[in-house]
Structure formats: C-alpha cells, structure tokens
Amino acid sequence: MSRKSLITMLVGANLLLLSVLIVAHTEPKKAHAQVAPAAQKYVMVAGEINDGADALYIIDLSRRALHVFVPNRVMNDRRMIYAGARDLARDFRGGR
C-alpha cells in the first residue's frame, strides 16, 4: 500500500466520521399540529363512522360546538348532509 493511498483512506475515514457526528447531533424539526393564526375559528376532521362511511366533523371554536356532516347515501350524489351538532361546553362540564 502506497503512502498516497493510505492518506486518502485516512482522509475518507475522517470525513465519514465527521458526517456521522454532524447527523447524530442535529435535531430534527419539531412537528406542530394545528398551527394556524388566531383568526381561524374552525377545526375540521374526517373520521370513519360505524357503517364504514366517512363523516366530516367541524368544531366551531368560538361557539364550542361540534357539527357533523355525512355523505348522502340515499341519493348517491356525493353531497354532504348535516347530521347534527353537539354543545361541547355542556358536554364537557365537570361533575354534571
């Protein structure tokens, strides 16, 4: 093994170790859920309901209400129909 190839291998090994140190000590970016300006007052979530269809849940943060929309399966026309609402302030009142 020549002196030049030995130096090349050592420099390559040092670069590899340096890259491992840099990758190991950098923190990944933090994920923030529902980061939005304060002016937005609605949160929308889709979820499966008991018969395999999906429902759209909309939470009105200013009125503290949960609204539910489901697909119109009778007409089979891709329209969502209003299924009802819940008063979240009343539902989560402690001890009542």
Protein backbone atom coordinates (compact mmCIF):
# COMPACT_ATOMS: atom_id res chain seq x y z
CA MET A 1 0.00 0.00 0.00
CA SER A 2 1.47 3.31 -1.02
CA ARG A 3 1.67 6.33 1.19
CA LYS A 4 -0.73 8.30 -1.03
CA SER A 5 -3.46 5.64 -0.88
CA LEU A 6 -3.06 5.37 2.92
CA ILE A 7 -3.52 9.13 3.32
CA THR A 8 -6.56 9.03 1.00
CA MET A 9 -8.14 6.24 3.09
CA LEU A 10 -7.49 8.12 6.35
CA VAL A 11 -8.97 11.35 4.99
CA GLY A 12 -12.01 9.41 3.74
CA ALA A 13 -12.46 7.73 7.14
CA ASN A 14 -12.23 11.12 8.87
CA LEU A 15 -14.82 12.62 6.54
CA LEU A 16 -17.13 9.67 7.21
CA LEU A 17 -16.75 10.06 10.98
CA LEU A 18 -17.35 13.81 10.71
CA SER A 19 -20.55 13.28 8.72
CA VAL A 20 -21.79 10.73 11.28
CA LEU A 21 -21.17 13.23 14.10
CA ILE A 22 -22.99 16.00 12.27
CA VAL A 23 -26.01 13.80 11.51
CA ALA A 24 -26.13 12.37 15.04
CA HIS A 25 -26.09 15.75 16.77
CA THR A 26 -28.54 17.70 14.66
CA GLU A 27 -32.10 17.70 15.94
CA PRO A 28 -34.97 17.10 13.54
CA LYS A 29 -37.52 19.87 13.12
CA LYS A 30 -40.38 19.75 15.59
CA ALA A 31 -43.83 18.98 14.20
CA HIS A 32 -46.64 21.26 15.32
CA ALA A 33 -50.22 20.14 14.86
CA GLN A 34 -52.93 22.67 14.01
CA VAL A 35 -50.59 25.64 13.83
CA ALA A 36 -52.79 28.42 12.48
CA PRO A 37 -53.40 32.10 13.03
CA ALA A 38 -55.72 33.01 15.89
CA ALA A 39 -58.32 34.29 13.44
CA GLN A 40 -59.25 30.78 12.34
CA LYS A 41 -62.08 29.51 14.48
CA TYR A 42 -62.78 26.10 12.94
CA VAL A 43 -61.10 22.70 13.04
CA MET A 44 -62.15 20.06 10.52
CA VAL A 45 -61.51 16.33 10.96
CA ALA A 46 -62.64 13.40 8.84
CA GLY A 47 -63.34 10.09 10.50
CA GLU A 48 -65.00 6.76 9.91
CA ILE A 49 -68.42 6.14 11.42
CA ASN A 50 -69.98 2.80 12.31
CA ASP A 51 -71.23 1.67 8.88
CA GLY A 52 -67.92 2.21 7.06
CA ALA A 53 -68.74 5.63 5.64
CA ASP A 54 -66.72 8.71 6.48
CA ALA A 55 -68.05 11.71 8.34
CA LEU A 56 -66.79 15.27 8.43
CA TYR A 57 -66.57 16.75 11.93
CA ILE A 58 -66.30 20.53 12.22
CA ILE A 59 -65.51 22.09 15.59
CA ASP A 60 -66.58 25.71 15.95
CA LEU A 61 -64.08 27.05 18.48
CA SER A 62 -65.88 30.34 19.11
CA ARG A 63 -69.22 28.67 19.93
CA ARG A 64 -67.70 25.45 21.32
CA ALA A 65 -69.90 23.28 19.12
CA LEU A 66 -69.28 20.10 17.13
CA HIS A 67 -71.08 19.78 13.78
CA VAL A 68 -71.29 16.51 11.83
CA PHE A 69 -71.77 16.09 8.09
CA VAL A 70 -72.26 12.68 6.43
CA PRO A 71 -72.50 11.65 2.78
CA ASN A 72 -75.97 11.46 1.25
CA ARG A 73 -76.20 7.70 0.66
CA VAL A 74 -79.87 7.72 -0.35
CA MET A 75 -79.33 9.90 -3.39
CA ASN A 76 -75.79 8.59 -4.03
CA ASP A 77 -74.71 12.04 -5.28
CA ARG A 78 -71.51 12.99 -3.35
CA ARG A 79 -73.26 15.72 -1.37
CA MET A 80 -72.81 16.04 2.35
CA ILE A 81 -75.86 16.42 4.57
CA TYR A 82 -75.96 17.95 8.02
CA ALA A 83 -76.36 15.23 10.64
CA GLY A 84 -76.47 17.31 13.81
CA ALA A 85 -74.48 19.21 16.41
CA ARG A 86 -73.30 18.91 19.99
CA ASP A 87 -72.72 21.65 22.54
CA LEU A 88 -69.19 20.86 23.72
CA ALA A 89 -69.31 23.31 26.62
CA ARG A 90 -72.32 21.45 28.04
CA ASP A 91 -70.90 18.00 27.25
CA PHE A 92 -67.57 18.64 28.98
CA ARG A 93 -68.91 20.42 32.02
CA GLY A 94 -67.35 18.74 35.02
CA GLY A 95 -69.49 16.89 37.56
CA ARG A 96 -72.87 17.45 35.93
